[in-house]
Protein backbone atom coordinates (compact mmCIF):
# COMPACT_ATOMS: atom_id res chain seq x y z
CA MET A 1 -53.96 8.87 39.55
CA THR A 2 -53.56 5.21 40.28
CA HIS A 3 -56.84 3.40 40.68
CA HIS A 4 -57.19 0.70 43.26
CA GLN A 5 -58.15 -2.67 41.85
CA ASP A 6 -58.80 -5.49 44.29
CA ASN A 7 -59.34 -8.76 42.46
CA LEU A 8 -58.61 -10.94 45.47
CA PRO A 9 -61.46 -13.14 46.78
CA LYS A 10 -63.22 -11.65 49.76
CA THR A 11 -64.89 -13.22 52.74
CA PRO A 12 -68.63 -12.59 53.26
CA LEU A 13 -67.78 -10.23 56.14
CA ALA A 14 -65.37 -8.30 53.92
CA ARG A 15 -67.97 -8.05 51.16
CA PHE A 16 -70.53 -6.81 53.67
CA PHE A 17 -68.33 -3.99 54.94
CA ASP A 18 -67.09 -3.21 51.43
CA GLY A 19 -70.62 -2.51 50.18
CA LEU A 20 -72.05 -1.22 53.46
CA GLU A 21 -72.29 2.45 52.50
CA GLU A 22 -73.77 1.78 49.07
CA ASN A 23 -76.49 -0.49 50.43
CA VAL A 24 -77.50 1.76 53.34
CA ILE A 25 -77.30 4.96 51.24
CA SER A 26 -79.52 3.36 48.58
CA PHE A 27 -82.06 2.37 51.22
CA ILE A 28 -82.00 5.83 52.81
CA LEU A 29 -82.51 7.61 49.49
CA GLY A 30 -85.39 5.31 48.63
CA ALA A 31 -86.99 5.73 52.06
CA MET A 32 -86.65 9.53 51.96
CA THR A 33 -88.18 9.68 48.50
CA LEU A 34 -91.05 7.37 49.44
CA ILE A 35 -91.92 9.16 52.69
CA THR A 36 -91.78 12.58 51.02
CA PHE A 37 -93.92 11.40 48.11
CA VAL A 38 -96.54 9.84 50.40
CA ASN A 39 -96.63 12.96 52.53
CA VAL A 40 -97.18 15.22 49.50
CA VAL A 41 -99.97 13.01 48.19
CA MET A 42 -101.67 12.82 51.56
CA ARG A 43 -101.41 16.57 52.10
CA TYR A 44 -102.82 17.64 48.73
CA VAL A 45 -105.27 14.80 48.13
CA TYR A 46 -106.50 13.86 51.62
CA ASN A 47 -105.62 17.07 53.52
CA THR A 48 -103.62 15.17 56.08
CA SER A 49 -100.01 14.04 56.51
CA LEU A 50 -97.67 11.67 58.31
CA ILE A 51 -97.02 13.59 61.48
CA TRP A 52 -93.65 11.84 61.89
CA GLY A 53 -92.66 12.14 58.23
CA LEU A 54 -90.54 15.31 58.41
CA GLU A 55 -88.64 14.16 61.48
CA VAL A 56 -87.86 10.77 59.91
CA VAL A 57 -86.61 12.44 56.72
CA LEU A 58 -84.38 14.74 58.77
CA ILE A 59 -82.96 11.74 60.67
CA LEU A 60 -82.37 9.83 57.43
CA PHE A 61 -80.68 12.85 55.89
CA SER A 62 -78.26 13.07 58.81
CA TRP A 63 -77.43 9.37 58.30
CA LEU A 64 -76.96 10.05 54.60
CA VAL A 65 -74.47 12.86 55.25
CA LEU A 66 -72.26 10.90 57.62
CA LEU A 67 -72.30 7.74 55.50
CA GLY A 68 -71.52 9.93 52.48
CA ILE A 69 -68.32 11.15 54.13
CA SER A 70 -66.97 7.63 54.62
CA TYR A 71 -68.16 6.68 51.12
CA GLY A 72 -66.20 9.62 49.72
CA PHE A 73 -62.99 8.39 51.36
CA LYS A 74 -63.71 4.86 50.10
CA LYS A 75 -64.20 6.02 46.49
CA THR A 76 -61.58 8.83 46.64
CA SER A 77 -64.23 11.35 45.59
CA HIS A 78 -63.62 14.12 48.14
CA LEU A 79 -62.55 17.38 46.56
CA GLY A 80 -59.30 18.99 47.61
CA VAL A 81 -56.78 21.65 46.66
CA ASP A 82 -53.73 20.06 45.03
CA ALA A 83 -52.15 23.11 43.41
CA VAL A 84 -49.09 22.81 45.65
CA THR A 85 -48.74 19.04 45.76
CA ASN A 86 -48.88 18.85 41.94
CA MET A 87 -45.64 20.88 41.82
CA LEU A 88 -43.86 18.31 44.00
CA PRO A 89 -41.85 15.38 42.66
CA THR A 90 -43.31 11.90 42.98
CA ARG A 91 -41.65 11.26 46.33
CA GLY A 92 -42.84 14.63 47.65
CA LYS A 93 -46.41 13.90 46.57
CA ARG A 94 -46.27 10.56 48.38
CA ILE A 95 -44.97 12.18 51.59
CA ALA A 96 -47.61 14.90 51.39
CA ALA A 97 -50.33 12.29 50.89
CA LEU A 98 -49.14 10.30 53.90
CA LEU A 99 -49.02 13.43 56.04
CA SER A 100 -52.54 14.31 54.96
CA ALA A 101 -53.66 10.75 55.73
CA ALA A 102 -52.09 10.91 59.19
CA ALA A 103 -53.89 14.21 59.90
CA CYS A 104 -57.18 12.68 58.72
CA ILE A 105 -56.70 9.61 60.93
CA ILE A 106 -56.08 11.83 63.97
CA TYR A 107 -59.11 13.98 63.13
CA ALA A 108 -61.34 10.94 62.52
CA SER A 109 -60.21 9.49 65.85
CA LEU A 110 -61.14 12.71 67.63
CA LEU A 111 -64.52 12.67 65.87
CA LEU A 112 -65.10 9.07 66.98
CA LYS A 113 -64.31 9.91 70.60
CA GLY A 114 -66.61 12.92 70.56
CA ALA A 115 -69.38 10.94 68.85
CA TRP A 116 -69.15 8.14 71.42
CA ASP A 117 -69.11 10.59 74.33
CA TYR A 118 -72.28 12.28 73.04
CA TRP A 119 -74.14 9.06 72.17
CA ALA A 120 -73.16 6.93 75.17
CA PRO A 121 -75.49 8.54 77.76
CA PHE A 122 -78.47 7.97 75.43
CA ALA A 123 -77.54 4.26 75.47
CA ALA A 124 -77.11 4.23 79.27
CA LEU A 125 -73.36 3.88 78.75
CA GLN A 126 -70.48 5.96 80.05
CA PRO A 127 -68.56 8.48 77.95
CA THR A 128 -64.79 8.26 77.79
CA ASP A 129 -62.43 10.15 80.04
CA GLY A 130 -59.69 12.39 78.67
CA ARG A 131 -59.83 15.64 76.77
CA TRP A 132 -58.41 14.51 73.45
CA PHE A 133 -58.00 10.75 73.54
CA PRO A 134 -59.89 8.16 75.64
CA MET A 135 -58.13 7.43 78.90
CA GLY A 136 -60.85 5.27 80.36
CA PHE A 137 -64.55 5.75 81.09
CA THR A 138 -66.10 8.50 83.18
CA GLU A 139 -68.19 7.22 86.05
CA GLY A 140 -71.39 8.70 87.39
CA VAL A 141 -72.66 10.40 84.24
CA ARG A 142 -76.46 10.53 84.32
CA ASP A 143 -77.90 8.57 81.45
CA ARG A 144 -80.31 10.00 78.92
CA ALA A 145 -81.86 6.73 77.83
CA PHE A 146 -85.35 8.12 78.57
CA TYR A 147 -85.00 10.81 75.87
CA THR A 148 -87.26 10.10 72.91
CA THR A 149 -87.83 11.62 69.50
CA ASP A 150 -90.62 14.15 69.07
CA GLN A 151 -93.00 12.29 66.75
CA VAL A 152 -91.42 9.05 65.50
CA PRO A 153 -93.50 6.12 66.78
CA MET A 154 -91.86 3.32 68.70
CA LEU A 155 -91.09 0.28 66.56
CA GLY A 156 -91.57 -3.21 67.82
CA ILE A 157 -88.07 -4.31 66.83
CA PHE A 158 -86.62 -1.87 69.36
CA ARG A 159 -88.82 -2.88 72.33
CA TRP A 160 -85.89 -4.80 73.79
CA LEU A 161 -84.31 -1.44 74.55
CA GLU A 162 -86.95 -0.84 77.24
CA ASP A 163 -85.51 -3.61 79.41
CA ALA A 164 -81.94 -3.06 78.30
CA ILE A 165 -81.55 0.67 79.02
CA ASN A 166 -84.88 2.09 80.29
CA TYR A 167 -85.39 -0.01 83.44
CA GLY A 168 -88.33 -1.82 81.84
CA GLU A 169 -90.38 1.31 81.24
CA ALA A 170 -92.18 1.45 77.90
CA TYR A 171 -91.25 4.03 75.29
CA ASP A 172 -94.13 5.92 73.76
CA LYS A 173 -91.86 7.26 70.99
CA LEU A 174 -88.66 6.01 69.42
CA PRO A 175 -85.76 6.62 71.85
CA ARG A 176 -83.07 8.98 70.61
CA VAL A 177 -80.42 6.34 71.08
CA VAL A 178 -81.55 4.79 67.80
CA PRO A 179 -81.20 7.75 65.38
CA TYR A 180 -78.16 9.06 67.30
CA PHE A 181 -76.39 5.74 66.73
CA ILE A 182 -75.19 7.11 63.40
CA LEU A 183 -72.74 9.34 65.28
CA PRO A 184 -70.36 6.63 66.61
CA PHE A 185 -71.19 4.29 63.74
CA GLY A 186 -70.59 6.86 61.02
CA CYS A 187 -67.41 8.21 62.61
CA ALA A 188 -66.08 4.65 63.02
CA LEU A 189 -66.74 4.05 59.33
CA ILE A 190 -64.95 7.30 58.43
CA LEU A 191 -61.91 6.20 60.45
CA LEU A 192 -62.00 2.76 58.84
CA ARG A 193 -62.15 4.16 55.31
CA VAL A 194 -59.35 6.66 56.00
CA VAL A 195 -57.14 3.87 57.38
CA GLN A 196 -57.92 1.74 54.33
CA ALA A 197 -57.08 4.62 52.00
CA THR A 198 -53.83 5.21 53.91
CA LEU A 199 -52.86 1.56 53.49
CA ARG A 200 -53.52 1.87 49.76
CA ILE A 201 -51.27 4.94 49.60
CA ILE A 202 -48.53 3.02 51.42
CA ALA A 203 -48.99 0.08 49.02
CA GLY A 204 -48.78 2.44 46.04
CA THR A 205 -52.23 1.63 44.63
CA GLN A 206 -53.60 5.11 45.44
CA ASP A 207 -51.99 8.53 45.12
CA SER A 208 -53.92 10.67 47.60
CA LEU A 209 -57.10 11.04 49.64
CA ILE A 210 -58.72 13.46 47.21
CA VAL A 211 -60.00 13.19 43.65
CA SER A 212 -57.48 14.15 40.99
CA HIS A 213 -57.89 16.57 38.13
CA GLU A 214 -59.25 13.74 36.01
CA ALA A 215 -62.81 14.79 36.84
CA GLU A 216 -62.13 18.41 35.85
CA GLU A 217 -60.42 17.32 32.65
CA GLU A 218 -63.35 15.08 31.79
CA VAL A 219 -65.82 17.93 32.33
CA GLU A 220 -63.69 20.22 30.17
CA ARG A 221 -63.47 17.56 27.46
CA VAL A 222 -67.24 17.03 27.39
CA ALA A 223 -67.85 20.76 27.43
CA HIS A 224 -65.37 21.31 24.58
CA GLY A 225 -67.03 18.55 22.54
CA ALA A 226 -70.46 20.09 23.08
CA TYR A 227 -69.14 23.51 22.05
CA GLU A 228 -67.66 22.12 18.81
CA GLU A 229 -71.00 20.49 17.95
């Protein structure tokens, strides 16, 4: 498998998006670990707990999953079945990879539309019109901006949302528009990473969207070395 090496200088914006998943995933893992640890200590030592702890961990885990999907496309670490494509000649493998990439782009586009349509009412915005692809915006959809999380307290940095989408009414809990933002954001990242991977396939710096047998071979090599010892 050809590995992509990009030694060209990058702009700050390009560097930001290039390392976006790693930075956010690292923060999420650290936050989940810290909240869980604090909750365990409080429960067994002080016989109390963070009432919002479990809900926050569940929210963070959902962010982790969606960001992990785009990260997998970025690092070409998604598993796949390549028993058939490995029997094809080089040109056939390239065509199969491009067809797979096209299917993934279509699927990611559909995911992005569905994600936006679900999230938009929570942000007092309108979902798109059209069954498969956006053909405009649907008018008259009742917003859900007043929906809040069950236990997560309202954070001061999001108070501006009260005037922006909640007609000036104060939130007593964090509005769902905040945790649900991962839906359009994560799906947009997935689409971006699939398009980037497709461009690398076209440029010849990447062979496919899935991890090759190199990982399996490496595991077998290590296992064989341990067996000989």
